[in-house]
Amino acid sequence: MALILQFLSWSLFHEQFSESQDLTLWFWTAQIGIACLIIFVGFIGFSPPVTVIVDESSFIVSQGQRSTEMKIDSSIYCRVISPLQYYRKWDNQVDRYMTHIPEDILLIFSDHKVTAVGINPVAHAILRYALNGSSNTNPAI
């Protein structure tokens, strides 16, 4: 779309651009800015942050519009795996909540589903401690 607008504006206003240095400078600065924006959004992208809430009765993980809730009353246990193990075995079998490829991935198993949470290792440790604080969770992780 930006490329089409660039060609359209150049074809319609090329005489004005060649007559005025200020207008030409503004046009090319805008072109460079649009190209940088396209590269930033296209290659780097944006992913909403992962939010995790643990209370006495439930565990909620959300990212943008998606969220999942697990009752702690059901048997919940978790396991930390490497990204390589995750992408080889678990990628297509779990609900995924990650913003990037983390150092390690926390798999949370409940009665009905498996959820992968990819946040930093310190947050994983805090989450594992919170989940293991419940008497219904499996302490052998």
N, C-alpha and C. Protein backbone atom coordinates (compact mmCIF):
# COMPACT_ATOMS: atom_id res chain seq x y z
N MET A 1 0.83 -1.19 0.00
CA MET A 1 0.00 0.00 0.00
C MET A 1 0.87 1.26 0.00
N ALA A 2 1.90 1.25 0.85
CA ALA A 2 2.80 2.41 0.91
C ALA A 2 3.53 2.62 -0.40
N LEU A 3 3.89 1.51 -1.04
CA LEU A 3 4.59 1.60 -2.32
C LEU A 3 3.67 2.20 -3.40
N ILE A 4 2.43 1.80 -3.39
CA ILE A 4 1.46 2.35 -4.36
C ILE A 4 1.25 3.84 -4.11
N LEU A 5 1.15 4.24 -2.83
CA LEU A 5 0.98 5.66 -2.51
C LEU A 5 2.21 6.46 -2.93
N GLN A 6 3.40 5.87 -2.79
CA GLN A 6 4.62 6.55 -3.19
C GLN A 6 4.63 6.79 -4.69
N PHE A 7 4.30 5.78 -5.49
CA PHE A 7 4.26 5.94 -6.94
C PHE A 7 3.17 6.92 -7.36
N LEU A 8 2.02 6.84 -6.72
CA LEU A 8 0.92 7.74 -7.05
C LEU A 8 1.29 9.19 -6.74
N SER A 9 1.85 9.44 -5.57
CA SER A 9 2.21 10.82 -5.22
C SER A 9 3.33 11.34 -6.11
N TRP A 10 4.29 10.48 -6.46
CA TRP A 10 5.36 10.92 -7.35
C TRP A 10 4.82 11.25 -8.75
N SER A 11 3.90 10.41 -9.25
CA SER A 11 3.37 10.66 -10.59
C SER A 11 2.48 11.90 -10.64
N LEU A 12 1.77 12.19 -9.57
CA LEU A 12 0.89 13.36 -9.56
C LEU A 12 1.62 14.66 -9.26
N PHE A 13 2.64 14.59 -8.41
CA PHE A 13 3.28 15.82 -7.93
C PHE A 13 4.76 15.91 -8.25
N HIS A 14 5.24 15.18 -9.27
CA HIS A 14 6.69 15.19 -9.54
C HIS A 14 7.20 16.57 -9.96
N GLU A 15 6.38 17.37 -10.61
CA GLU A 15 6.81 18.71 -10.99
C GLU A 15 6.99 19.61 -9.77
N GLN A 16 6.07 19.50 -8.81
CA GLN A 16 6.18 20.29 -7.58
C GLN A 16 7.40 19.84 -6.76
N PHE A 17 7.67 18.55 -6.76
CA PHE A 17 8.82 18.04 -6.02
C PHE A 17 10.13 18.54 -6.64
N SER A 18 10.19 18.59 -7.95
CA SER A 18 11.43 19.03 -8.60
C SER A 18 11.63 20.54 -8.49
N GLU A 19 10.58 21.32 -8.29
CA GLU A 19 10.69 22.77 -8.18
C GLU A 19 11.04 23.23 -6.77
N SER A 20 10.63 22.53 -5.76
CA SER A 20 10.83 22.97 -4.37
C SER A 20 11.72 21.98 -3.63
N GLN A 21 12.85 22.50 -3.12
CA GLN A 21 13.75 21.63 -2.36
C GLN A 21 13.13 21.22 -1.03
N ASP A 22 12.40 22.13 -0.39
CA ASP A 22 11.77 21.81 0.89
C ASP A 22 10.74 20.69 0.73
N LEU A 23 9.94 20.78 -0.30
CA LEU A 23 8.94 19.75 -0.56
C LEU A 23 9.60 18.42 -0.91
N THR A 24 10.68 18.46 -1.68
CA THR A 24 11.42 17.24 -2.03
C THR A 24 12.01 16.60 -0.78
N LEU A 25 12.61 17.42 0.08
CA LEU A 25 13.18 16.90 1.33
C LEU A 25 12.09 16.28 2.20
N TRP A 26 10.96 16.95 2.29
CA TRP A 26 9.85 16.41 3.09
C TRP A 26 9.36 15.09 2.51
N PHE A 27 9.24 15.01 1.18
CA PHE A 27 8.75 13.80 0.52
C PHE A 27 9.68 12.62 0.79
N TRP A 28 10.98 12.82 0.60
CA TRP A 28 11.92 11.71 0.79
C TRP A 28 12.08 11.34 2.26
N THR A 29 11.96 12.30 3.16
CA THR A 29 11.98 11.98 4.59
C THR A 29 10.77 11.14 4.96
N ALA A 30 9.61 11.49 4.41
CA ALA A 30 8.40 10.70 4.66
C ALA A 30 8.56 9.29 4.10
N GLN A 31 9.18 9.17 2.93
CA GLN A 31 9.39 7.85 2.32
C GLN A 31 10.29 6.98 3.19
N ILE A 32 11.37 7.56 3.68
CA ILE A 32 12.29 6.81 4.55
C ILE A 32 11.59 6.43 5.85
N GLY A 33 10.80 7.34 6.41
CA GLY A 33 10.06 7.03 7.64
C GLY A 33 9.06 5.91 7.45
N ILE A 34 8.34 5.93 6.34
CA ILE A 34 7.37 4.86 6.04
C ILE A 34 8.08 3.53 5.85
N ALA A 35 9.21 3.55 5.15
CA ALA A 35 9.97 2.30 4.95
C ALA A 35 10.47 1.75 6.28
N CYS A 36 10.97 2.62 7.17
CA CYS A 36 11.42 2.16 8.49
C CYS A 36 10.26 1.60 9.31
N LEU A 37 9.11 2.23 9.23
CA LEU A 37 7.93 1.74 9.94
C LEU A 37 7.51 0.37 9.43
N ILE A 38 7.51 0.19 8.13
CA ILE A 38 7.14 -1.11 7.54
C ILE A 38 8.14 -2.18 7.97
N ILE A 39 9.42 -1.87 7.95
CA ILE A 39 10.44 -2.84 8.38
C ILE A 39 10.26 -3.17 9.86
N PHE A 40 10.05 -2.15 10.69
CA PHE A 40 9.88 -2.39 12.13
C PHE A 40 8.66 -3.25 12.42
N VAL A 41 7.53 -2.91 11.84
CA VAL A 41 6.31 -3.66 12.10
C VAL A 41 6.35 -5.03 11.44
N GLY A 42 6.90 -5.11 10.24
CA GLY A 42 6.89 -6.37 9.50
C GLY A 42 7.88 -7.39 10.02
N PHE A 43 9.07 -6.95 10.39
CA PHE A 43 10.08 -7.90 10.79
C PHE A 43 10.19 -8.06 12.30
N ILE A 44 9.99 -7.02 13.03
CA ILE A 44 10.09 -7.11 14.49
C ILE A 44 8.73 -7.47 15.07
N GLY A 45 7.70 -6.79 14.62
CA GLY A 45 6.35 -7.12 15.02
C GLY A 45 5.99 -6.69 16.43
N PHE A 46 4.78 -7.01 16.80
CA PHE A 46 4.29 -6.69 18.13
C PHE A 46 3.47 -7.87 18.62
N SER A 47 3.68 -8.22 19.84
CA SER A 47 2.90 -9.27 20.46
C SER A 47 2.48 -8.77 21.85
N PRO A 48 1.21 -8.89 22.19
CA PRO A 48 0.77 -8.40 23.50
C PRO A 48 1.47 -9.15 24.63
N PRO A 49 1.65 -8.51 25.77
CA PRO A 49 2.33 -9.18 26.88
C PRO A 49 1.50 -10.31 27.48
N VAL A 50 2.18 -11.24 28.10
CA VAL A 50 1.53 -12.36 28.78
C VAL A 50 1.29 -11.95 30.23
N THR A 51 0.05 -12.14 30.69
CA THR A 51 -0.33 -11.82 32.06
C THR A 51 -0.76 -13.10 32.77
N VAL A 52 -0.22 -13.31 33.97
CA VAL A 52 -0.55 -14.50 34.74
C VAL A 52 -1.09 -14.06 36.10
N ILE A 53 -2.24 -14.62 36.48
CA ILE A 53 -2.88 -14.33 37.77
C ILE A 53 -3.13 -15.65 38.47
N VAL A 54 -2.63 -15.76 39.70
CA VAL A 54 -2.87 -16.97 40.50
C VAL A 54 -3.52 -16.52 41.80
N ASP A 55 -4.68 -17.09 42.11
CA ASP A 55 -5.29 -16.85 43.42
C ASP A 55 -5.57 -18.19 44.09
N GLU A 56 -6.36 -18.19 45.13
CA GLU A 56 -6.58 -19.42 45.90
C GLU A 56 -7.27 -20.52 45.10
N SER A 57 -8.14 -20.14 44.17
CA SER A 57 -8.95 -21.15 43.50
C SER A 57 -8.64 -21.34 42.02
N SER A 58 -7.96 -20.39 41.40
CA SER A 58 -7.77 -20.51 39.96
C SER A 58 -6.44 -19.93 39.50
N PHE A 59 -6.09 -20.31 38.30
CA PHE A 59 -4.89 -19.84 37.61
C PHE A 59 -5.34 -19.31 36.27
N ILE A 60 -5.07 -18.03 35.98
CA ILE A 60 -5.50 -17.41 34.73
C ILE A 60 -4.27 -16.90 34.00
N VAL A 61 -4.14 -17.27 32.74
CA VAL A 61 -3.07 -16.75 31.89
C VAL A 61 -3.74 -16.12 30.67
N SER A 62 -3.30 -14.91 30.30
CA SER A 62 -3.92 -14.23 29.18
C SER A 62 -2.86 -13.50 28.36
N GLN A 63 -3.19 -13.32 27.09
CA GLN A 63 -2.35 -12.58 26.16
C GLN A 63 -3.27 -11.92 25.16
N GLY A 64 -3.38 -10.61 25.23
CA GLY A 64 -4.28 -9.89 24.33
C GLY A 64 -5.73 -10.30 24.59
N GLN A 65 -6.43 -10.73 23.55
CA GLN A 65 -7.83 -11.14 23.65
C GLN A 65 -8.00 -12.57 24.17
N ARG A 66 -6.93 -13.39 24.08
CA ARG A 66 -7.03 -14.80 24.48
C ARG A 66 -6.73 -14.96 25.96
N SER A 67 -7.41 -15.89 26.59
CA SER A 67 -7.10 -16.23 27.98
C SER A 67 -7.58 -17.64 28.27
N THR A 68 -6.99 -18.23 29.27
CA THR A 68 -7.42 -19.54 29.72
C THR A 68 -7.39 -19.55 31.24
N GLU A 69 -8.33 -20.27 31.80
CA GLU A 69 -8.43 -20.36 33.26
C GLU A 69 -8.44 -21.82 33.66
N MET A 70 -7.66 -22.13 34.67
CA MET A 70 -7.62 -23.49 35.21
C MET A 70 -7.93 -23.41 36.70
N LYS A 71 -8.78 -24.31 37.14
CA LYS A 71 -9.10 -24.40 38.56
C LYS A 71 -7.97 -25.13 39.27
N ILE A 72 -7.51 -24.58 40.35
CA ILE A 72 -6.43 -25.21 41.09
C ILE A 72 -6.95 -26.46 41.81
N ASP A 73 -8.27 -26.57 42.00
CA ASP A 73 -8.83 -27.77 42.61
C ASP A 73 -8.55 -29.01 41.78
N SER A 74 -8.49 -28.83 40.44
CA SER A 74 -8.11 -29.96 39.59
C SER A 74 -6.61 -30.19 39.76
N SER A 75 -6.17 -31.35 39.35
CA SER A 75 -4.75 -31.63 39.54
C SER A 75 -3.93 -30.85 38.52
N ILE A 76 -3.16 -29.90 39.02
CA ILE A 76 -2.29 -29.08 38.18
C ILE A 76 -0.86 -29.38 38.58
N TYR A 77 -0.05 -29.63 37.60
CA TYR A 77 1.38 -29.70 37.84
C TYR A 77 2.10 -29.07 36.67
N CYS A 78 3.32 -28.69 36.89
CA CYS A 78 4.04 -27.99 35.84
C CYS A 78 5.45 -28.55 35.67
N ARG A 79 5.99 -28.29 34.49
CA ARG A 79 7.31 -28.79 34.14
C ARG A 79 8.00 -27.75 33.27
N VAL A 80 9.27 -27.52 33.51
CA VAL A 80 10.05 -26.59 32.71
C VAL A 80 10.80 -27.38 31.66
N ILE A 81 10.68 -26.93 30.40
CA ILE A 81 11.39 -27.59 29.31
C ILE A 81 12.14 -26.54 28.49
N SER A 82 13.05 -27.00 27.67
CA SER A 82 13.80 -26.09 26.81
C SER A 82 12.96 -25.75 25.58
N PRO A 83 13.28 -24.65 24.91
CA PRO A 83 12.55 -24.31 23.68
C PRO A 83 12.67 -25.40 22.61
N LEU A 84 13.81 -26.06 22.54
CA LEU A 84 14.00 -27.13 21.56
C LEU A 84 13.02 -28.27 21.82
N GLN A 85 12.89 -28.69 23.09
CA GLN A 85 11.92 -29.74 23.44
C GLN A 85 10.50 -29.29 23.11
N TYR A 86 10.21 -28.03 23.40
CA TYR A 86 8.86 -27.51 23.14
C TYR A 86 8.53 -27.59 21.66
N TYR A 87 9.41 -27.07 20.81
CA TYR A 87 9.11 -27.03 19.37
C TYR A 87 9.16 -28.41 18.73
N ARG A 88 9.89 -29.35 19.30
CA ARG A 88 9.91 -30.70 18.75
C ARG A 88 8.66 -31.49 19.11
N LYS A 89 8.19 -31.34 20.35
CA LYS A 89 7.11 -32.22 20.81
C LYS A 89 5.79 -31.51 21.10
N TRP A 90 5.83 -30.33 21.69
CA TRP A 90 4.62 -29.75 22.27
C TRP A 90 3.99 -28.63 21.46
N ASP A 91 4.63 -28.09 20.45
CA ASP A 91 4.17 -26.87 19.79
C ASP A 91 2.73 -26.94 19.30
N ASN A 92 2.32 -28.02 18.68
CA ASN A 92 0.98 -28.13 18.12
C ASN A 92 -0.03 -28.77 19.07
N GLN A 93 0.38 -29.07 20.29
CA GLN A 93 -0.50 -29.80 21.20
C GLN A 93 -0.97 -28.98 22.39
N VAL A 94 -0.54 -27.74 22.51
CA VAL A 94 -0.81 -26.96 23.72
C VAL A 94 -1.38 -25.59 23.37
N ASP A 95 -2.00 -24.95 24.38
CA ASP A 95 -2.34 -23.52 24.29
C ASP A 95 -1.05 -22.76 24.57
N ARG A 96 -0.71 -21.84 23.70
CA ARG A 96 0.59 -21.17 23.77
C ARG A 96 0.41 -19.71 24.18
N TYR A 97 1.16 -19.28 25.19
CA TYR A 97 1.17 -17.90 25.65
C TYR A 97 2.62 -17.45 25.76
N MET A 98 3.14 -16.87 24.67
CA MET A 98 4.52 -16.42 24.62
C MET A 98 4.61 -15.17 23.76
N THR A 99 5.55 -14.30 24.10
CA THR A 99 5.78 -13.13 23.27
C THR A 99 7.01 -13.29 22.40
N HIS A 100 7.90 -14.16 22.78
CA HIS A 100 9.13 -14.42 22.05
C HIS A 100 9.61 -15.82 22.41
N ILE A 101 10.73 -16.24 21.88
CA ILE A 101 11.27 -17.54 22.26
C ILE A 101 12.04 -17.36 23.56
N PRO A 102 11.52 -17.86 24.67
CA PRO A 102 12.16 -17.64 25.97
C PRO A 102 13.31 -18.62 26.21
N GLU A 103 14.02 -18.39 27.31
CA GLU A 103 15.11 -19.29 27.70
C GLU A 103 14.57 -20.67 28.07
N ASP A 104 13.45 -20.70 28.74
CA ASP A 104 12.79 -21.96 29.05
C ASP A 104 11.28 -21.74 29.00
N ILE A 105 10.57 -22.83 28.88
CA ILE A 105 9.11 -22.78 28.73
C ILE A 105 8.48 -23.59 29.84
N LEU A 106 7.48 -23.02 30.47
CA LEU A 106 6.77 -23.69 31.56
C LEU A 106 5.53 -24.35 30.99
N LEU A 107 5.47 -25.67 31.06
CA LEU A 107 4.27 -26.41 30.67
C LEU A 107 3.43 -26.63 31.91
N ILE A 108 2.17 -26.25 31.85
CA ILE A 108 1.25 -26.42 32.97
C ILE A 108 0.19 -27.43 32.54
N PHE A 109 0.16 -28.54 33.24
CA PHE A 109 -0.75 -29.64 32.93
C PHE A 109 -1.94 -29.58 33.88
N SER A 110 -3.14 -29.65 33.32
CA SER A 110 -4.34 -29.78 34.15
C SER A 110 -5.08 -31.03 33.69
N ASP A 111 -6.26 -31.24 34.21
CA ASP A 111 -7.03 -32.44 33.85
C ASP A 111 -7.39 -32.48 32.36
N HIS A 112 -7.66 -31.30 31.76
CA HIS A 112 -8.20 -31.29 30.41
C HIS A 112 -7.28 -30.69 29.36
N LYS A 113 -6.26 -29.95 29.76
CA LYS A 113 -5.42 -29.31 28.75
C LYS A 113 -4.01 -29.05 29.28
N VAL A 114 -3.16 -28.72 28.32
CA VAL A 114 -1.79 -28.35 28.63
C VAL A 114 -1.58 -26.94 28.10
N THR A 115 -0.98 -26.09 28.93
CA THR A 115 -0.73 -24.71 28.56
C THR A 115 0.76 -24.44 28.64
N ALA A 116 1.30 -23.80 27.60
CA ALA A 116 2.71 -23.41 27.59
C ALA A 116 2.80 -21.92 27.86
N VAL A 117 3.62 -21.56 28.85
CA VAL A 117 3.81 -20.17 29.22
C VAL A 117 5.29 -19.83 29.04
N GLY A 118 5.56 -18.87 28.21
CA GLY A 118 6.93 -18.46 27.95
C GLY A 118 7.20 -17.07 28.49
N ILE A 119 7.58 -16.99 29.74
CA ILE A 119 7.95 -15.72 30.35
C ILE A 119 9.37 -15.89 30.89
N ASN A 120 9.90 -14.91 31.54
CA ASN A 120 11.28 -15.02 31.99
C ASN A 120 11.44 -16.04 33.12
N PRO A 121 12.66 -16.59 33.30
CA PRO A 121 12.86 -17.65 34.28
C PRO A 121 12.52 -17.26 35.72
N VAL A 122 12.73 -16.01 36.08
CA VAL A 122 12.38 -15.57 37.44
C VAL A 122 10.86 -15.64 37.63
N ALA A 123 10.12 -15.18 36.65
CA ALA A 123 8.65 -15.25 36.73
C ALA A 123 8.18 -16.70 36.71
N HIS A 124 8.87 -17.58 35.97
CA HIS A 124 8.52 -19.00 36.00
C HIS A 124 8.69 -19.56 37.41
N ALA A 125 9.78 -19.21 38.07
CA ALA A 125 10.03 -19.70 39.43
C ALA A 125 8.96 -19.22 40.39
N ILE A 126 8.57 -17.95 40.28
CA ILE A 126 7.51 -17.41 41.14
C ILE A 126 6.19 -18.12 40.86
N LEU A 127 5.88 -18.35 39.59
CA LEU A 127 4.64 -19.03 39.21
C LEU A 127 4.64 -20.47 39.71
N ARG A 128 5.74 -21.17 39.55
CA ARG A 128 5.83 -22.55 40.04
C ARG A 128 5.65 -22.59 41.56
N TYR A 129 6.24 -21.64 42.26
CA TYR A 129 6.08 -21.58 43.72
C TYR A 129 4.62 -21.32 44.09
N ALA A 130 3.96 -20.41 43.36
CA ALA A 130 2.55 -20.11 43.64
C ALA A 130 1.66 -21.31 43.37
N LEU A 131 1.92 -22.03 42.28
CA LEU A 131 1.12 -23.21 41.96
C LEU A 131 1.42 -24.35 42.93
N ASN A 132 2.66 -24.49 43.35
CA ASN A 132 3.00 -25.56 44.28
C ASN A 132 2.61 -25.24 45.70
N GLY A 133 2.26 -23.99 45.98
CA GLY A 133 1.80 -23.62 47.31
C GLY A 133 0.46 -24.24 47.64
N SER A 134 -0.29 -24.61 46.61
CA SER A 134 -1.58 -25.25 46.82
C SER A 134 -1.35 -26.72 47.19
N SER A 135 -2.16 -27.26 48.03
CA SER A 135 -1.99 -28.66 48.45
C SER A 135 -2.36 -29.63 47.34
N ASN A 136 -3.06 -29.17 46.29
CA ASN A 136 -3.49 -30.07 45.22
C ASN A 136 -2.49 -30.18 44.09
N THR A 137 -1.41 -29.45 44.14
CA THR A 137 -0.47 -29.49 43.04
C THR A 137 0.61 -30.52 43.29
N ASN A 138 1.22 -30.95 42.22
CA ASN A 138 2.26 -31.96 42.29
C ASN A 138 3.60 -31.29 42.58
N PRO A 139 4.24 -31.53 43.74
CA PRO A 139 5.48 -30.86 44.05
C PRO A 139 6.67 -31.39 43.26
N ALA A 140 6.56 -32.56 42.65
CA ALA A 140 7.67 -33.13 41.90
C ALA A 140 7.62 -32.59 40.47
N ILE A 141 8.34 -31.54 40.22
CA ILE A 141 8.32 -30.92 38.90
C ILE A 141 9.59 -31.27 38.17
